[in-house]
PDB file of N, CA and C in Angstrom:
ATOM      1  N   UNK A   1     -17.710 -12.638  -4.332  1.00  0.00           N
ATOM      2  CA  UNK A   1     -18.767 -11.528  -4.691  1.00  0.00           C
ATOM      3  C   UNK A   1     -18.853 -11.174  -6.237  1.00  0.00           C
ATOM      4  N   UNK A   2     -17.949 -11.086  -6.813  1.00  0.00           N
ATOM      5  CA  UNK A   2     -17.603 -11.005  -8.503  1.00  0.00           C
ATOM      6  C   UNK A   2     -18.693 -12.339  -8.916  1.00  0.00           C
ATOM      7  N   UNK A   3     -18.264 -13.528  -8.318  1.00  0.00           N
ATOM      8  CA  UNK A   3     -18.768 -14.942  -8.839  1.00  0.00           C
ATOM      9  C   UNK A   3     -20.560 -14.358  -8.892  1.00  0.00           C
ATOM     10  N   UNK A   4     -20.930 -14.045  -7.701  1.00  0.00           N
ATOM     11  CA  UNK A   4     -22.134 -13.584  -7.771  1.00  0.00           C
ATOM     12  C   UNK A   4     -22.895 -12.982  -8.385  1.00  0.00           C
ATOM     13  N   UNK A   5     -22.303 -11.828  -8.955  1.00  0.00           N
ATOM     14  CA  UNK A   5     -22.422 -10.976 -10.350  1.00  0.00           C
ATOM     15  C   UNK A   5     -22.222 -11.518 -11.739  1.00  0.00           C
ATOM     16  N   UNK A   6     -21.656 -12.738 -11.729  1.00  0.00           N
ATOM     17  CA  UNK A   6     -21.559 -13.442 -13.299  1.00  0.00           C
ATOM     18  C   UNK A   6     -20.088 -13.080 -13.883  1.00  0.00           C
ATOM     19  N   UNK A   7     -19.015 -12.706 -12.786  1.00  0.00           N
ATOM     20  CA  UNK A   7     -18.000 -12.293 -13.402  1.00  0.00           C
ATOM     21  C   UNK A   7     -16.983 -13.002 -12.974  1.00  0.00           C
ATOM     22  N   UNK A   8     -16.443 -13.815 -14.139  1.00  0.00           N
ATOM     23  CA  UNK A   8     -15.180 -14.854 -14.116  1.00  0.00           C
ATOM     24  C   UNK A   8     -14.032 -14.041 -13.976  1.00  0.00           C
ATOM     25  N   UNK A   9     -13.511 -13.795 -12.503  1.00  0.00           N
ATOM     26  CA  UNK A   9     -12.099 -13.275 -12.627  1.00  0.00           C
ATOM     27  C   UNK A   9     -11.108 -14.026 -12.572  1.00  0.00           C
ATOM     28  N   UNK A  10      -9.647 -13.216 -12.840  1.00  0.00           N
ATOM     29  CA  UNK A  10      -8.513 -14.275 -12.809  1.00  0.00           C
ATOM     30  C   UNK A  10      -7.735 -13.400 -11.636  1.00  0.00           C
ATOM     31  N   UNK A  11      -7.444 -13.936 -10.828  1.00  0.00           N
ATOM     32  CA  UNK A  11      -6.581 -13.132  -9.641  1.00  0.00           C
ATOM     33  C   UNK A  11      -4.876 -13.732  -9.592  1.00  0.00           C
ATOM     34  N   UNK A  12      -3.972 -12.718  -9.733  1.00  0.00           N
ATOM     35  CA  UNK A  12      -2.323 -13.116  -9.787  1.00  0.00           C
ATOM     36  C   UNK A  12      -2.043 -12.504  -8.548  1.00  0.00           C
ATOM     37  N   UNK A  13      -1.537 -13.319  -7.800  1.00  0.00           N
ATOM     38  CA  UNK A  13      -0.869 -12.800  -6.477  1.00  0.00           C
ATOM     39  C   UNK A  13       0.677 -12.293  -6.476  1.00  0.00           C
ATOM     40  N   UNK A  14       0.851 -10.948  -7.198  1.00  0.00           N
ATOM     41  CA  UNK A  14       2.306 -10.687  -7.245  1.00  0.00           C
ATOM     42  C   UNK A  14       2.629  -9.956  -5.915  1.00  0.00           C
ATOM     43  N   UNK A  15       3.744 -10.727  -5.485  1.00  0.00           N
ATOM     44  CA  UNK A  15       4.208 -10.724  -4.486  1.00  0.00           C
ATOM     45  C   UNK A  15       5.561  -9.649  -4.364  1.00  0.00           C
ATOM     46  N   UNK A  16       6.069  -9.498  -5.522  1.00  0.00           N
ATOM     47  CA  UNK A  16       7.223  -8.830  -5.603  1.00  0.00           C
ATOM     48  C   UNK A  16       7.057  -7.684  -6.751  1.00  0.00           C
ATOM     49  N   UNK A  17       7.198  -6.292  -6.832  1.00  0.00           N
ATOM     50  CA  UNK A  17       7.037  -5.436  -7.806  1.00  0.00           C
ATOM     51  C   UNK A  17       8.284  -5.597  -8.431  1.00  0.00           C
ATOM     52  N   UNK A  18       9.629  -5.845  -8.061  1.00  0.00           N
ATOM     53  CA  UNK A  18      10.945  -6.111  -8.413  1.00  0.00           C
ATOM     54  C   UNK A  18      11.297  -6.906  -7.807  1.00  0.00           C
ATOM     55  N   UNK A  19      11.661  -8.070  -8.817  1.00  0.00           N
ATOM     56  CA  UNK A  19      11.609  -8.219 -10.034  1.00  0.00           C
ATOM     57  C   UNK A  19       9.885  -8.517 -10.412  1.00  0.00           C
ATOM     58  N   UNK A  20       9.176  -7.772 -11.097  1.00  0.00           N
ATOM     59  CA  UNK A  20       7.904  -7.932 -11.593  1.00  0.00           C
ATOM     60  C   UNK A  20       7.799  -9.471 -12.574  1.00  0.00           C
ATOM     61  N   UNK A  21       6.717 -10.415 -12.273  1.00  0.00           N
ATOM     62  CA  UNK A  21       6.483 -11.125 -13.418  1.00  0.00           C
ATOM     63  C   UNK A  21       5.936 -10.846 -14.602  1.00  0.00           C
ATOM     64  N   UNK A  22       6.568 -10.352 -15.273  1.00  0.00           N
ATOM     65  CA  UNK A  22       6.232  -9.701 -16.490  1.00  0.00           C
ATOM     66  C   UNK A  22       5.123 -11.033 -17.505  1.00  0.00           C
ATOM     67  N   UNK A  23       5.810 -11.734 -17.488  1.00  0.00           N
ATOM     68  CA  UNK A  23       5.018 -12.642 -18.423  1.00  0.00           C
ATOM     69  C   UNK A  23       3.597 -13.036 -17.762  1.00  0.00           C
ATOM     70  N   UNK A  24       3.667 -13.383 -16.505  1.00  0.00           N
ATOM     71  CA  UNK A  24       2.449 -13.905 -15.862  1.00  0.00           C
ATOM     72  C   UNK A  24       1.218 -12.458 -16.244  1.00  0.00           C
ATOM     73  N   UNK A  25       1.472 -11.349 -15.977  1.00  0.00           N
ATOM     74  CA  UNK A  25       0.840 -10.185 -16.305  1.00  0.00           C
ATOM     75  C   UNK A  25       0.357 -10.203 -17.519  1.00  0.00           C
ATOM     76  N   UNK A  26       0.973 -10.326 -18.449  1.00  0.00           N
ATOM     77  CA  UNK A  26       0.863 -10.500 -19.786  1.00  0.00           C
ATOM     78  C   UNK A  26      -0.098 -11.498 -20.405  1.00  0.00           C
ATOM     79  N   UNK A  27       0.132 -12.505 -19.596  1.00  0.00           N
ATOM     80  CA  UNK A  27      -0.455 -13.882 -20.075  1.00  0.00           C
ATOM     81  C   UNK A  27      -2.171 -13.478 -19.470  1.00  0.00           C
ATOM     82  N   UNK A  28      -2.163 -12.859 -18.326  1.00  0.00           N
ATOM     83  CA  UNK A  28      -3.725 -12.934 -17.966  1.00  0.00           C
ATOM     84  C   UNK A  28      -4.563 -11.644 -18.577  1.00  0.00           C
ATOM     85  N   UNK A  29      -3.422 -10.736 -18.979  1.00  0.00           N
ATOM     86  CA  UNK A  29      -3.981  -9.655 -19.712  1.00  0.00           C
ATOM     87  C   UNK A  29      -4.589  -9.897 -21.233  1.00  0.00           C
ATOM     88  N   UNK A  30      -3.797 -10.448 -21.639  1.00  0.00           N
ATOM     89  CA  UNK A  30      -4.273 -11.079 -23.129  1.00  0.00           C
ATOM     90  C   UNK A  30      -5.271 -12.148 -22.812  1.00  0.00           C
ATOM     91  N   UNK A  31      -5.930 -12.594 -21.618  1.00  0.00           N
ATOM     92  CA  UNK A  31      -7.203 -13.197 -21.575  1.00  0.00           C
ATOM     93  C   UNK A  31      -8.277 -12.450 -21.128  1.00  0.00           C
ATOM     94  N   UNK A  32      -8.172 -11.462 -20.244  1.00  0.00           N
ATOM     95  CA  UNK A  32      -9.066 -10.567 -19.396  1.00  0.00           C
ATOM     96  C   UNK A  32      -9.206  -9.382 -20.410  1.00  0.00           C
ATOM     97  N   UNK A  33      -8.310  -8.813 -21.226  1.00  0.00           N
ATOM     98  CA  UNK A  33      -8.457  -7.666 -21.673  1.00  0.00           C
ATOM     99  C   UNK A  33      -8.837  -6.431 -20.678  1.00  0.00           C
ATOM    100  N   UNK A  34      -8.366  -6.326 -19.687  1.00  0.00           N
ATOM    101  CA  UNK A  34      -8.496  -5.398 -18.567  1.00  0.00           C
ATOM    102  C   UNK A  34      -7.811  -5.829 -17.305  1.00  0.00           C
ATOM    103  N   UNK A  35      -7.736  -4.657 -16.220  1.00  0.00           N
ATOM    104  CA  UNK A  35      -6.709  -5.096 -15.169  1.00  0.00           C
ATOM    105  C   UNK A  35      -7.637  -4.328 -14.049  1.00  0.00           C
ATOM    106  N   UNK A  36      -7.629  -4.601 -12.748  1.00  0.00           N
ATOM    107  CA  UNK A  36      -7.597  -4.049 -11.660  1.00  0.00           C
ATOM    108  C   UNK A  36      -6.383  -4.507 -10.850  1.00  0.00           C
ATOM    109  N   UNK A  37      -5.645  -3.523 -10.097  1.00  0.00           N
ATOM    110  CA  UNK A  37      -4.585  -3.764  -8.965  1.00  0.00           C
ATOM    111  C   UNK A  37      -5.194  -3.354  -7.983  1.00  0.00           C
ATOM    112  N   UNK A  38      -4.814  -4.101  -6.685  1.00  0.00           N
ATOM    113  CA  UNK A  38      -5.389  -3.978  -5.671  1.00  0.00           C
ATOM    114  C   UNK A  38      -4.109  -4.031  -4.822  1.00  0.00           C
ATOM    115  N   UNK A  39      -3.820  -2.703  -3.729  1.00  0.00           N
ATOM    116  CA  UNK A  39      -2.553  -2.770  -2.848  1.00  0.00           C
ATOM    117  C   UNK A  39      -2.972  -2.122  -1.849  1.00  0.00           C
ATOM    118  N   UNK A  40      -2.201  -2.852  -0.921  1.00  0.00           N
ATOM    119  CA  UNK A  40      -2.463  -2.067   0.686  1.00  0.00           C
ATOM    120  C   UNK A  40      -1.453  -0.835   1.013  1.00  0.00           C
ATOM    121  N   UNK A  41      -1.038  -0.160  -0.323  1.00  0.00           N
ATOM    122  CA  UNK A  41      -0.062   1.137   0.138  1.00  0.00           C
ATOM    123  C   UNK A  41      -0.625   2.071  -0.883  1.00  0.00           C
ATOM    124  N   UNK A  42       0.443   3.049  -1.208  1.00  0.00           N
ATOM    125  CA  UNK A  42       0.316   3.882  -1.846  1.00  0.00           C
ATOM    126  C   UNK A  42       0.195   3.679  -3.448  1.00  0.00           C
ATOM    127  N   UNK A  43      -0.686   4.017  -4.155  1.00  0.00           N
ATOM    128  CA  UNK A  43      -1.370   3.486  -5.890  1.00  0.00           C
ATOM    129  C   UNK A  43       0.437   4.253  -6.117  1.00  0.00           C
ATOM    130  N   UNK A  44       0.671   5.356  -6.183  1.00  0.00           N
ATOM    131  CA  UNK A  44       1.868   5.996  -6.717  1.00  0.00           C
ATOM    132  C   UNK A  44       3.331   5.375  -6.674  1.00  0.00           C
ATOM    133  N   UNK A  45       3.780   4.996  -7.762  1.00  0.00           N
ATOM    134  CA  UNK A  45       4.933   4.261  -7.321  1.00  0.00           C
ATOM    135  C   UNK A  45       4.856   2.841  -7.002  1.00  0.00           C
ATOM    136  N   UNK A  46       3.551   2.204  -6.739  1.00  0.00           N
ATOM    137  CA  UNK A  46       3.461   1.056  -6.361  1.00  0.00           C
ATOM    138  C   UNK A  46       3.089  -0.096  -7.418  1.00  0.00           C
ATOM    139  N   UNK A  47       2.543  -1.406  -7.222  1.00  0.00           N
ATOM    140  CA  UNK A  47       1.990  -2.453  -8.038  1.00  0.00           C
ATOM    141  C   UNK A  47       1.476  -1.662  -9.418  1.00  0.00           C
ATOM    142  N   UNK A  48       0.253  -0.946  -8.870  1.00  0.00           N
ATOM    143  CA  UNK A  48      -0.511  -0.192 -10.143  1.00  0.00           C
ATOM    144  C   UNK A  48       0.140   0.160 -11.319  1.00  0.00           C
ATOM    145  N   UNK A  49       1.342   0.988 -10.960  1.00  0.00           N
ATOM    146  CA  UNK A  49       2.287   1.869 -11.883  1.00  0.00           C
ATOM    147  C   UNK A  49       3.121   1.015 -12.425  1.00  0.00           C
ATOM    148  N   UNK A  50       3.612  -0.391 -11.688  1.00  0.00           N
ATOM    149  CA  UNK A  50       4.704  -1.149 -12.544  1.00  0.00           C
ATOM    150  C   UNK A  50       3.686  -2.078 -13.498  1.00  0.00           C
ATOM    151  N   UNK A  51       2.236  -2.326 -12.972  1.00  0.00           N
ATOM    152  CA  UNK A  51       1.583  -2.879 -13.949  1.00  0.00           C
ATOM    153  C   UNK A  51       1.099  -2.202 -14.933  1.00  0.00           C
ATOM    154  N   UNK A  52       0.714  -0.848 -15.106  1.00  0.00           N
ATOM    155  CA  UNK A  52       0.433   0.160 -16.189  1.00  0.00           C
ATOM    156  C   UNK A  52       1.775   0.682 -17.149  1.00  0.00           C
ATOM    157  N   UNK A  53       3.042   0.241 -16.581  1.00  0.00           N
ATOM    158  CA  UNK A  53       3.833   0.534 -17.257  1.00  0.00           C
ATOM    159  C   UNK A  53       4.211  -0.522 -18.319  1.00  0.00           C
ATOM    160  N   UNK A  54       4.055  -1.730 -17.966  1.00  0.00           N
ATOM    161  CA  UNK A  54       4.202  -3.002 -18.727  1.00  0.00           C
ATOM    162  C   UNK A  54       3.055  -3.303 -19.998  1.00  0.00           C
ATOM    163  N   UNK A  55       1.875  -2.769 -19.561  1.00  0.00           N
ATOM    164  CA  UNK A  55       0.662  -3.054 -20.424  1.00  0.00           C
ATOM    165  C   UNK A  55       0.670  -1.937 -21.369  1.00  0.00           C
ATOM    166  N   UNK A  56       1.053  -0.603 -20.644  1.00  0.00           N
ATOM    167  CA  UNK A  56       1.280   0.195 -21.993  1.00  0.00           C
ATOM    168  C   UNK A  56       2.046  -0.016 -23.079  1.00  0.00           C
ATOM    169  N   UNK A  57       3.236  -0.870 -22.814  1.00  0.00           N
ATOM    170  CA  UNK A  57       4.210  -1.189 -23.685  1.00  0.00           C
ATOM    171  C   UNK A  57       3.915  -2.239 -24.567  1.00  0.00           C
ATOM    172  N   UNK A  58       3.053  -3.485 -23.927  1.00  0.00           N
ATOM    173  CA  UNK A  58       3.276  -4.695 -24.393  1.00  0.00           C
ATOM    174  C   UNK A  58       1.405  -4.785 -24.972  1.00  0.00           C
ATOM    175  N   UNK A  59       0.434  -4.330 -23.931  1.00  0.00           N
ATOM    176  CA  UNK A  59      -0.826  -4.767 -24.440  1.00  0.00           C
ATOM    177  C   UNK A  59      -1.803  -3.764 -23.933  1.00  0.00           C
ATOM    178  N   UNK A  60      -1.933  -2.370 -24.384  1.00  0.00           N
ATOM    179  CA  UNK A  60      -2.527  -1.583 -23.931  1.00  0.00           C
ATOM    180  C   UNK A  60      -4.088  -2.263 -23.790  1.00  0.00           C
ATOM    181  N   UNK A  61      -4.678  -2.004 -22.106  1.00  0.00           N
ATOM    182  CA  UNK A  61      -5.883  -2.209 -22.201  1.00  0.00           C
ATOM    183  C   UNK A  61      -6.423  -1.360 -20.882  1.00  0.00           C
ATOM    184  N   UNK A  62      -7.429  -1.040 -20.365  1.00  0.00           N
ATOM    185  CA  UNK A  62      -8.475  -0.523 -19.357  1.00  0.00           C
ATOM    186  C   UNK A  62      -7.772  -1.133 -18.153  1.00  0.00           C
ATOM    187  N   UNK A  63      -7.391  -0.071 -17.262  1.00  0.00           N
ATOM    188  CA  UNK A  63      -6.779  -0.270 -15.796  1.00  0.00           C
ATOM    189  C   UNK A  63      -7.280   0.629 -14.703  1.00  0.00           C
ATOM    190  N   UNK A  64      -7.993  -0.297 -13.723  1.00  0.00           N
ATOM    191  CA  UNK A  64      -8.146   0.601 -12.345  1.00  0.00           C
ATOM    192  C   UNK A  64      -7.401   0.051 -11.517  1.00  0.00           C
ATOM    193  N   UNK A  65      -7.582   1.278 -10.575  1.00  0.00           N
ATOM    194  CA  UNK A  65      -6.269   0.981  -9.600  1.00  0.00           C
ATOM    195  C   UNK A  65      -7.297   1.132  -8.189  1.00  0.00           C
ATOM    196  N   UNK A  66      -7.080   0.234  -7.220  1.00  0.00           N
ATOM    197  CA  UNK A  66      -7.346   0.138  -5.814  1.00  0.00           C
ATOM    198  C   UNK A  66      -6.253   0.473  -4.751  1.00  0.00           C
ATOM    199  N   UNK A  67      -6.056   1.560  -4.177  1.00  0.00           N
ATOM    200  CA  UNK A  67      -5.256   1.424  -3.283  1.00  0.00           C
ATOM    201  C   UNK A  67      -5.113   2.790  -2.173  1.00  0.00           C
ATOM    202  N   UNK A  68      -3.901   2.963  -1.948  1.00  0.00           N
ATOM    203  CA  UNK A  68      -3.879   4.559  -1.085  1.00  0.00           C
ATOM    204  C   UNK A  68      -3.629   6.025  -2.008  1.00  0.00           C
ATOM    205  N   UNK A  69      -4.129   6.835  -2.021  1.00  0.00           N
ATOM    206  CA  UNK A  69      -4.008   7.795  -2.899  1.00  0.00           C
ATOM    207  C   UNK A  69      -3.403   8.914  -2.120  1.00  0.00           C
ATOM    208  N   UNK A  70      -2.417   9.234  -2.520  1.00  0.00           N
ATOM    209  CA  UNK A  70      -1.503  10.113  -1.765  1.00  0.00           C
ATOM    210  C   UNK A  70      -1.766  10.718  -0.551  1.00  0.00           C
ATOM    211  N   UNK A  71      -1.527   9.752   0.808  1.00  0.00           N
ATOM    212  CA  UNK A  71      -2.233  10.147   1.803  1.00  0.00           C
ATOM    213  C   UNK A  71      -1.187   9.384   2.752  1.00  0.00           C
ATOM    214  N   UNK A  72      -0.757  10.298   4.186  1.00  0.00           N
ATOM    215  CA  UNK A  72       0.055   9.954   4.942  1.00  0.00           C
ATOM    216  C   UNK A  72      -0.294   8.551   5.873  1.00  0.00           C
ATOM    217  N   UNK A  73       0.621   7.380   6.461  1.00  0.00           N
ATOM    218  CA  UNK A  73      -0.408   6.511   7.094  1.00  0.00           C
ATOM    219  C   UNK A  73      -0.808   7.205   8.425  1.00  0.00           C
ATOM    220  N   UNK A  74      -1.936   6.258   8.836  1.00  0.00           N
ATOM    221  CA  UNK A  74      -2.574   6.548  10.196  1.00  0.00           C
ATOM    222  C   UNK A  74      -2.537   5.470  10.993  1.00  0.00           C
ATOM    223  N   UNK A  75      -2.907   5.648  12.160  1.00  0.00           N
ATOM    224  CA  UNK A  75      -2.895   4.436  13.215  1.00  0.00           C
ATOM    225  C   UNK A  75      -4.640   4.292  13.002  1.00  0.00           C
ATOM    226  N   UNK A  76      -4.657   2.697  13.407  1.00  0.00           N
ATOM    227  CA  UNK A  76      -5.997   2.105  13.732  1.00  0.00           C
ATOM    228  C   UNK A  76      -5.898   0.785  13.613  1.00  0.00           C
ATOM    229  N   UNK A  77      -6.837   0.234  13.639  1.00  0.00           N
ATOM    230  CA  UNK A  77      -7.037  -1.240  13.522  1.00  0.00           C
ATOM    231  C   UNK A  77      -7.195  -1.604  11.980  1.00  0.00           C
ATOM    232  N   UNK A  78      -6.474  -2.742  11.611  1.00  0.00           N
ATOM    233  CA  UNK A  78      -6.401  -2.951  10.096  1.00  0.00           C
ATOM    234  C   UNK A  78      -7.899  -2.963   9.624  1.00  0.00           C
ATOM    235  N   UNK A  79      -9.148  -3.304  10.185  1.00  0.00           N
ATOM    236  CA  UNK A  79     -10.440  -2.970   9.599  1.00  0.00           C
ATOM    237  C   UNK A  79     -10.606  -1.644   9.470  1.00  0.00           C
ATOM    238  N   UNK A  80     -10.146  -0.819  10.559  1.00  0.00           N
ATOM    239  CA  UNK A  80     -10.377   0.683  10.326  1.00  0.00           C
ATOM    240  C   UNK A  80      -9.723   1.278   8.942  1.00  0.00           C
ATOM    241  N   UNK A  81      -8.661   0.741   8.883  1.00  0.00           N
ATOM    242  CA  UNK A  81      -8.044   1.379   7.933  1.00  0.00           C
ATOM    243  C   UNK A  81      -8.198   0.659   6.610  1.00  0.00           C
ATOM    244  N   UNK A  82      -8.105  -0.428   6.524  1.00  0.00           N
ATOM    245  CA  UNK A  82      -8.758  -0.968   5.416  1.00  0.00           C
ATOM    246  C   UNK A  82     -10.121   0.181   4.738  1.00  0.00           C
ATOM    247  N   UNK A  83     -11.310  -0.092   5.570  1.00  0.00           N
ATOM    248  CA  UNK A  83     -12.367   0.878   5.180  1.00  0.00           C
ATOM    249  C   UNK A  83     -12.173   2.134   4.955  1.00  0.00           C
ATOM    250  N   UNK A  84     -11.170   3.131   5.689  1.00  0.00           N
ATOM    251  CA  UNK A  84     -10.910   4.586   5.749  1.00  0.00           C
ATOM    252  C   UNK A  84     -10.420   4.266   4.055  1.00  0.00           C
ATOM    253  N   UNK A  85      -9.180   3.746   3.791  1.00  0.00           N
ATOM    254  CA  UNK A  85      -8.767   4.012   2.613  1.00  0.00           C
ATOM    255  C   UNK A  85      -9.213   3.220   1.254  1.00  0.00           C
ATOM    256  N   UNK A  86     -10.395   2.590   1.451  1.00  0.00           N
ATOM    257  CA  UNK A  86     -11.254   1.812   0.443  1.00  0.00           C
ATOM    258  C   UNK A  86     -10.702   0.746  -0.020  1.00  0.00           C
ATOM    259  N   UNK A  87     -10.111   0.068   0.705  1.00  0.00           N
ATOM    260  CA  UNK A  87      -9.421  -1.280   0.524  1.00  0.00           C
ATOM    261  C   UNK A  87     -10.354  -2.513   0.690  1.00  0.00           C
ATOM    262  N   UNK A  88     -11.209  -2.233   0.543  1.00  0.00           N
ATOM    263  CA  UNK A  88     -12.315  -3.326   1.039  1.00  0.00           C
ATOM    264  C   UNK A  88     -12.946  -4.440  -0.153  1.00  0.00           C
ATOM    265  N   UNK A  89     -13.355  -5.398   0.041  1.00  0.00           N
ATOM    266  CA  UNK A  89     -13.501  -6.379  -1.467  1.00  0.00           C
ATOM    267  C   UNK A  89     -14.562  -5.523  -2.097  1.00  0.00           C
ATOM    268  N   UNK A  90     -15.517  -4.562  -1.483  1.00  0.00           N
ATOM    269  CA  UNK A  90     -16.812  -3.963  -2.241  1.00  0.00           C
ATOM    270  C   UNK A  90     -16.045  -2.753  -2.979  1.00  0.00           C
ATOM    271  N   UNK A  91     -15.000  -2.486  -2.806  1.00  0.00           N
ATOM    272  CA  UNK A  91     -14.131  -1.287  -3.680  1.00  0.00           C
ATOM    273  C   UNK A  91     -13.495  -1.844  -4.776  1.00  0.00           C
ATOM    274  N   UNK A  92     -12.890  -3.091  -4.450  1.00  0.00           N
ATOM    275  CA  UNK A  92     -12.565  -4.132  -5.570  1.00  0.00           C
ATOM    276  C   UNK A  92     -13.773  -4.488  -6.831  1.00  0.00           C
ATOM    277  N   UNK A  93     -14.802  -5.144  -6.327  1.00  0.00           N
ATOM    278  CA  UNK A  93     -15.829  -5.033  -6.852  1.00  0.00           C
ATOM    279  C   UNK A  93     -16.328  -3.935  -7.824  1.00  0.00           C
ATOM    280  N   UNK A  94     -16.406  -2.626  -7.504  1.00  0.00           N
ATOM    281  CA  UNK A  94     -16.796  -1.630  -8.028  1.00  0.00           C
ATOM    282  C   UNK A  94     -15.469  -1.113  -9.392  1.00  0.00           C
ATOM    283  N   UNK A  95     -14.162  -1.451  -8.817  1.00  0.00           N
ATOM    284  CA  UNK A  95     -13.234  -1.258  -9.697  1.00  0.00           C
ATOM    285  C   UNK A  95     -13.191  -2.129 -11.126  1.00  0.00           C
ATOM    286  N   UNK A  96     -13.783  -3.316 -10.769  1.00  0.00           N
ATOM    287  CA  UNK A  96     -13.886  -4.270 -11.695  1.00  0.00           C
ATOM    288  C   UNK A  96     -14.865  -4.213 -12.555  1.00  0.00           C
ATOM    289  N   UNK A  97     -15.965  -3.610 -12.004  1.00  0.00           N
ATOM    290  CA  UNK A  97     -17.514  -3.596 -12.889  1.00  0.00           C
ATOM    291  C   UNK A  97     -16.873  -2.302 -13.654  1.00  0.00           C
ATOM    292  N   UNK A  98     -16.107  -1.032 -13.182  1.00  0.00           N
ATOM    293  CA  UNK A  98     -15.799   0.110 -13.953  1.00  0.00           C
ATOM    294  C   UNK A  98     -14.771  -0.259 -15.210  1.00  0.00           C
ATOM    295  N   UNK A  99     -13.804  -1.031 -14.698  1.00  0.00           N
ATOM    296  CA  UNK A  99     -12.728  -1.319 -16.114  1.00  0.00           C
ATOM    297  C   UNK A  99     -13.926  -2.310 -16.797  1.00  0.00           C
ATOM    298  N   UNK A 100     -14.515  -3.053 -16.837  1.00  0.00           N
ATOM    299  CA  UNK A 100     -15.344  -4.093 -17.547  1.00  0.00           C
ATOM    300  C   UNK A 100     -15.987  -3.083 -18.691  1.00  0.00           C
ATOM    301  N   UNK A 101     -16.479  -2.178 -17.733  1.00  0.00           N
ATOM    302  CA  UNK A 101     -17.339  -0.961 -18.877  1.00  0.00           C
ATOM    303  C   UNK A 101     -16.742  -0.687 -19.626  1.00  0.00           C
ATOM    304  N   UNK A 102     -15.510   0.284 -19.118  1.00  0.00           N
ATOM    305  CA  UNK A 102     -14.529   0.689 -20.048  1.00  0.00           C
ATOM    306  C   UNK A 102     -14.002  -0.225 -21.333  1.00  0.00           C
ATOM    307  N   UNK A 103     -13.812  -1.519 -20.782  1.00  0.00           N
ATOM    308  CA  UNK A 103     -13.329  -2.162 -21.824  1.00  0.00           C
ATOM    309  C   UNK A 103     -14.480  -2.364 -22.891  1.00  0.00           C
ATOM    310  N   UNK A 104     -15.496  -2.338 -22.405  1.00  0.00           N
ATOM    311  CA  UNK A 104     -16.725  -2.652 -23.430  1.00  0.00           C
ATOM    312  C   UNK A 104     -17.277  -1.731 -24.426  1.00  0.00           C
ATOM    313  N   UNK A 105     -16.826  -0.276 -23.737  1.00  0.00           N
ATOM    314  CA  UNK A 105     -16.812   0.726 -24.193  1.00  0.00           C
ATOM    315  C   UNK A 105     -15.710   0.700 -25.858  1.00  0.00           C
ATOM    316  N   UNK A 106     -14.523   0.421 -25.113  1.00  0.00           N
ATOM    317  CA  UNK A 106     -13.313   0.280 -26.320  1.00  0.00           C
ATOM    318  C   UNK A 106     -14.038  -0.719 -27.418  1.00  0.00           C
ATOM    319  N   UNK A 107     -14.525  -2.077 -27.144  1.00  0.00           N
ATOM    320  CA  UNK A 107     -14.746  -2.975 -27.909  1.00  0.00           C
ATOM    321  C   UNK A 107     -16.046  -2.573 -29.092  1.00  0.00           C
ATOM    322  N   UNK A 108     -16.893  -1.660 -28.591  1.00  0.00           N
ATOM    323  CA  UNK A 108     -17.990  -1.207 -29.362  1.00  0.00           C
ATOM    324  C   UNK A 108     -17.874  -0.091 -30.149  1.00  0.00           C
ATOM    325  N   UNK A 109     -16.722   0.694 -29.753  1.00  0.00           N
ATOM    326  CA  UNK A 109     -16.441   2.232 -30.658  1.00  0.00           C
ATOM    327  C   UNK A 109     -15.344   2.077 -31.545  1.00  0.00           C
TER     328      UNK A 109
END
């Protein structure tokens, strides 16, 4: 979906928050100059927070978060839950467009 919009995104599969592969995160952030984290659980205390901590200390750039925002778990099919909590590809695309816009504003100001 991003390629169809002319966006060349780098995707990193972070499979553990602890230990976090800080070097992989920083290598990517130095290239892209922005970050979108997507996770299938709470944003608070999750991957997005861990990435935010690293980039704030080493290479501050705009960041957007896709994940569950302070909600208790519910029952449903995986597809229903992904849709309810905004964890579908379309939401990631919107977050990428938003973070790229913020990055552009920072560069031009």
